[in-house]
Amino acid sequence: MDIANLIQTIALYALPVLFAITVHEAAHGYVARHFGDNTAYMLGRVTLNPLKHIDPVGTILMPLMLYFATSGAFLFGYAKPVPVNFGRLRNPKRDMIWVALAGPGVNFIQAFLWGALLYMLNGSGVTEPFFLKMAQGGILVNLVMFAFNLFPLPPLDGGRILVGLLPHRQAEMVSRVEPWGFFIVMALVISGIVSTLWLRPLMALSYFVLNILLTPFAMLFG
């Protein structure tokens, strides 16, 4: 394993990843508080302090182990989930959708902002590869988080959205999967099913939409 390459990769992705996970988790707590549940706020989780959201195993140890084990071909990690008491929301079934959407939503917004920054750097004549690659990394990290978290299986955000959208009987059936959802998702990720059938198509669509939204920046700084 090339240690120098590992250090360079960490340096490039550290800031985009910290922003991506911190704002994602804080957004869940902020929207939950807006709709009546202040559980995350009372526990200090509605904050942009990354230390409040980093999980030592899921955010640091697991990605590093997978990086070494697969030579960088496969990475997976997670942050501390923001606690949400859905029963305290004013309209639990409806408001659950907005709370769940908040995380992926801010990731897409961050991807847009990194894309705008990339155009501005290029337009300003910045040629330093480190900053350009960091902006590109910011787009990639946030679109991966956006797409992956929308996978429709609890406890991922997409599963919570699905539960909120389905009629009560079907929603209850889907919600019963949650205790085993993490292990099911991991199995689907390792088998390549999530990547092939979900991530790649949704990522392609996300890049397409993002390029359309960034058209003004392309025209201004291109």
Protein backbone atom coordinates (compact mmCIF):
# COMPACT_ATOMS: atom_id res chain seq x y z
CA MET A 1 0.00 0.00 0.00
CA ASP A 2 1.37 3.43 -0.99
CA ILE A 3 1.32 5.43 2.27
CA ALA A 4 2.01 8.70 0.45
CA ASN A 5 -1.01 8.09 -1.78
CA LEU A 6 -3.15 7.32 1.29
CA ILE A 7 -2.11 10.56 3.00
CA GLN A 8 -2.85 12.54 -0.16
CA THR A 9 -6.29 10.90 -0.48
CA ILE A 10 -7.13 11.67 3.16
CA ALA A 11 -6.00 15.28 2.73
CA LEU A 12 -8.14 15.71 -0.38
CA TYR A 13 -11.29 14.15 1.03
CA ALA A 14 -11.10 15.11 4.72
CA LEU A 15 -12.81 18.50 4.39
CA PRO A 16 -15.54 17.40 1.92
CA VAL A 17 -16.33 14.31 4.03
CA LEU A 18 -16.46 16.27 7.30
CA PHE A 19 -18.79 18.85 5.77
CA ALA A 20 -20.91 16.15 4.10
CA ILE A 21 -21.56 14.07 7.23
CA THR A 22 -21.78 17.00 9.66
CA VAL A 23 -24.33 19.03 7.70
CA HIS A 24 -26.25 15.85 6.78
CA GLU A 25 -26.74 14.82 10.40
CA ALA A 26 -27.35 18.34 11.71
CA ALA A 27 -30.02 18.84 9.03
CA HIS A 28 -31.97 15.83 10.32
CA GLY A 29 -31.94 17.27 13.83
CA TYR A 30 -32.81 20.79 12.70
CA VAL A 31 -35.82 19.70 10.64
CA ALA A 32 -36.99 17.34 13.42
CA ARG A 33 -36.89 20.26 15.84
CA HIS A 34 -38.81 22.41 13.36
CA PHE A 35 -41.59 19.79 13.28
CA GLY A 36 -41.78 19.36 17.06
CA ASP A 37 -39.08 16.92 18.20
CA ASN A 38 -36.19 18.57 20.03
CA THR A 39 -34.48 15.31 21.06
CA ALA A 40 -31.40 15.91 18.91
CA TYR A 41 -31.24 19.57 19.94
CA MET A 42 -31.31 18.70 23.66
CA LEU A 43 -28.46 16.23 23.10
CA GLY A 44 -26.36 18.85 21.29
CA ARG A 45 -26.61 17.16 17.89
CA VAL A 46 -28.04 20.15 15.99
CA THR A 47 -24.55 21.50 15.47
CA LEU A 48 -21.89 21.89 12.79
CA ASN A 49 -19.24 20.58 15.17
CA PRO A 50 -18.03 17.41 13.39
CA LEU A 51 -16.88 15.84 16.67
CA LYS A 52 -20.52 15.51 17.69
CA HIS A 53 -21.32 13.40 14.61
CA ILE A 54 -18.16 11.34 14.05
CA ASP A 55 -18.37 7.66 14.99
CA PRO A 56 -14.85 6.35 15.77
CA VAL A 57 -15.57 2.99 14.15
CA GLY A 58 -17.94 3.91 11.33
CA THR A 59 -16.35 7.21 10.27
CA ILE A 60 -12.65 6.49 10.80
CA LEU A 61 -11.69 2.87 11.50
CA MET A 62 -13.97 1.07 9.03
CA PRO A 63 -13.15 3.27 5.98
CA LEU A 64 -9.40 2.98 6.70
CA MET A 65 -9.56 -0.80 7.11
CA LEU A 66 -11.55 -1.16 3.89
CA TYR A 67 -9.15 1.16 2.07
CA PHE A 68 -6.17 -1.03 3.01
CA ALA A 69 -8.05 -4.30 2.49
CA THR A 70 -9.27 -3.43 -1.01
CA SER A 71 -6.50 -1.06 -2.12
CA GLY A 72 -9.01 1.76 -2.25
CA ALA A 73 -11.47 -0.09 -4.48
CA PHE A 74 -14.25 -0.24 -1.88
CA LEU A 75 -15.06 2.23 0.89
CA PHE A 76 -17.96 2.32 3.32
CA GLY A 77 -18.62 4.27 6.49
CA TYR A 78 -21.24 6.00 8.58
CA ALA A 79 -21.68 8.73 11.18
CA LYS A 80 -23.57 8.67 14.48
CA PRO A 81 -27.28 8.70 13.58
CA VAL A 82 -29.11 11.76 14.90
CA PRO A 83 -31.73 10.60 17.43
CA VAL A 84 -35.26 11.44 16.30
CA ASN A 85 -38.38 10.60 18.31
CA PHE A 86 -40.88 10.37 15.46
CA GLY A 87 -43.73 10.11 17.94
CA ARG A 88 -43.07 13.67 19.07
CA LEU A 89 -43.42 15.11 15.56
CA ARG A 90 -46.64 17.06 15.06
CA ASN A 91 -47.68 14.81 12.18
CA PRO A 92 -45.35 11.77 12.51
CA LYS A 93 -46.11 10.05 9.20
CA ARG A 94 -45.87 13.20 7.09
CA ASP A 95 -43.10 14.96 9.00
CA MET A 96 -40.96 11.80 8.97
CA ILE A 97 -40.57 12.29 5.22
CA TRP A 98 -39.21 15.82 5.62
CA VAL A 99 -36.84 14.82 8.42
CA ALA A 100 -35.47 11.96 6.32
CA LEU A 101 -35.20 14.09 3.17
CA ALA A 102 -33.22 16.79 4.97
CA GLY A 103 -29.96 14.82 5.04
CA PRO A 104 -29.76 13.79 1.37
CA GLY A 105 -31.17 17.19 0.42
CA VAL A 106 -28.32 19.13 2.00
CA ASN A 107 -25.84 16.70 0.42
CA PHE A 108 -27.18 17.58 -3.02
CA ILE A 109 -26.95 21.29 -2.15
CA GLN A 110 -23.35 20.80 -1.06
CA ALA A 111 -22.57 19.00 -4.32
CA PHE A 112 -23.96 22.03 -6.15
CA LEU A 113 -21.81 24.40 -4.05
CA TRP A 114 -18.65 22.35 -4.67
CA GLY A 115 -19.49 22.35 -8.38
CA ALA A 116 -19.94 26.13 -8.36
CA LEU A 117 -16.59 26.45 -6.56
CA LEU A 118 -14.92 24.25 -9.17
CA TYR A 119 -16.17 26.47 -11.99
CA MET A 120 -15.04 29.59 -10.11
CA LEU A 121 -11.58 28.13 -9.48
CA ASN A 122 -11.20 27.21 -13.15
CA GLY A 123 -12.54 30.59 -14.24
CA SER A 124 -10.13 32.40 -11.92
CA GLY A 125 -7.17 30.64 -13.45
CA VAL A 126 -6.41 28.44 -10.45
CA THR A 127 -4.28 25.53 -11.63
CA GLU A 128 -3.30 24.01 -8.28
CA PRO A 129 -4.44 20.35 -8.62
CA PHE A 130 -5.04 19.96 -4.88
CA PHE A 131 -7.87 22.51 -4.76
CA LEU A 132 -9.41 21.38 -8.04
CA LYS A 133 -9.38 17.73 -6.95
CA MET A 134 -10.82 18.66 -3.56
CA ALA A 135 -13.76 20.40 -5.27
CA GLN A 136 -14.26 17.37 -7.52
CA GLY A 137 -14.08 15.15 -4.43
CA GLY A 138 -16.69 17.32 -2.72
CA ILE A 139 -19.09 16.75 -5.61
CA LEU A 140 -18.47 12.99 -5.61
CA VAL A 141 -18.72 12.49 -1.84
CA ASN A 142 -21.97 14.41 -1.54
CA LEU A 143 -23.63 12.76 -4.55
CA VAL A 144 -22.67 9.32 -3.21
CA MET A 145 -24.18 10.21 0.18
CA PHE A 146 -27.24 11.65 -1.55
CA ALA A 147 -27.84 8.55 -3.67
CA PHE A 148 -26.88 5.92 -1.09
CA ASN A 149 -29.00 7.36 1.70
CA LEU A 150 -32.06 7.41 -0.57
CA PHE A 151 -31.92 3.62 -0.94
CA PRO A 152 -35.47 2.58 0.10
CA LEU A 153 -34.70 0.35 3.05
CA PRO A 154 -34.81 1.30 6.76
CA PRO A 155 -32.79 2.56 8.60
CA LEU A 156 -31.53 4.55 5.59
CA ASP A 157 -33.28 7.83 4.85
CA GLY A 158 -34.91 6.36 1.75
CA GLY A 159 -36.49 3.66 3.91
CA ARG A 160 -37.91 6.28 6.26
CA ILE A 161 -39.28 8.22 3.29
CA LEU A 162 -40.88 5.03 1.95
CA VAL A 163 -42.50 4.33 5.33
CA GLY A 164 -43.88 7.86 5.36
CA LEU A 165 -45.31 7.54 1.85
CA LEU A 166 -46.87 4.08 2.11
CA PRO A 167 -50.35 3.38 3.55
CA HIS A 168 -50.24 2.44 7.26
CA ARG A 169 -50.41 -1.33 6.80
CA GLN A 170 -47.66 -1.49 4.18
CA ALA A 171 -45.60 1.10 6.09
CA GLU A 172 -45.72 -1.07 9.20
CA MET A 173 -44.48 -4.08 7.22
CA VAL A 174 -41.51 -2.13 5.82
CA SER A 175 -40.65 -0.62 9.22
CA ARG A 176 -40.30 -4.13 10.69
CA VAL A 177 -37.20 -4.61 8.54
CA GLU A 178 -35.30 -1.86 10.39
CA PRO A 179 -33.61 -4.02 13.10
CA TRP A 180 -31.93 -6.05 10.34
CA GLY A 181 -31.77 -3.26 7.76
CA PHE A 182 -28.09 -2.41 8.31
CA PHE A 183 -27.00 -6.01 7.75
CA ILE A 184 -29.22 -6.35 4.67
CA VAL A 185 -27.83 -3.12 3.22
CA MET A 186 -24.23 -4.24 3.91
CA ALA A 187 -24.90 -7.57 2.17
CA LEU A 188 -26.40 -5.78 -0.84
CA VAL A 189 -23.45 -3.37 -0.95
CA ILE A 190 -20.83 -6.12 -0.78
CA SER A 191 -22.63 -8.16 -3.44
CA GLY A 192 -22.63 -5.14 -5.76
CA ILE A 193 -26.42 -5.01 -6.08
CA VAL A 194 -26.73 -1.54 -4.54
CA SER A 195 -23.98 -0.18 -6.77
CA THR A 196 -25.29 -1.70 -10.00
CA LEU A 197 -29.04 -1.28 -9.58
CA TRP A 198 -29.21 1.87 -7.45
CA LEU A 199 -26.07 3.96 -7.02
CA ARG A 200 -24.87 4.09 -10.62
CA PRO A 201 -28.24 4.97 -12.21
CA LEU A 202 -29.09 7.54 -9.52
CA MET A 203 -25.56 9.01 -9.61
CA ALA A 204 -25.78 9.38 -13.39
CA LEU A 205 -29.13 11.14 -13.05
CA SER A 206 -27.77 13.33 -10.24
CA TYR A 207 -24.77 14.43 -12.32
CA PHE A 208 -27.12 15.21 -15.22
CA VAL A 209 -29.37 17.39 -13.04
CA LEU A 210 -26.36 19.00 -11.35
CA ASN A 211 -24.81 19.94 -14.71
CA ILE A 212 -28.08 21.61 -15.74
CA LEU A 213 -28.21 23.58 -12.48
CA LEU A 214 -24.57 24.63 -12.88
CA THR A 215 -25.10 25.90 -16.43
CA PRO A 216 -25.03 29.59 -15.35
CA PHE A 217 -21.63 29.03 -13.70
CA ALA A 218 -20.38 27.21 -16.80
CA MET A 219 -21.43 30.15 -18.97
CA LEU A 220 -19.99 32.72 -16.57
CA PHE A 221 -16.67 31.05 -15.78
CA GLY A 222 -16.26 28.63 -18.68
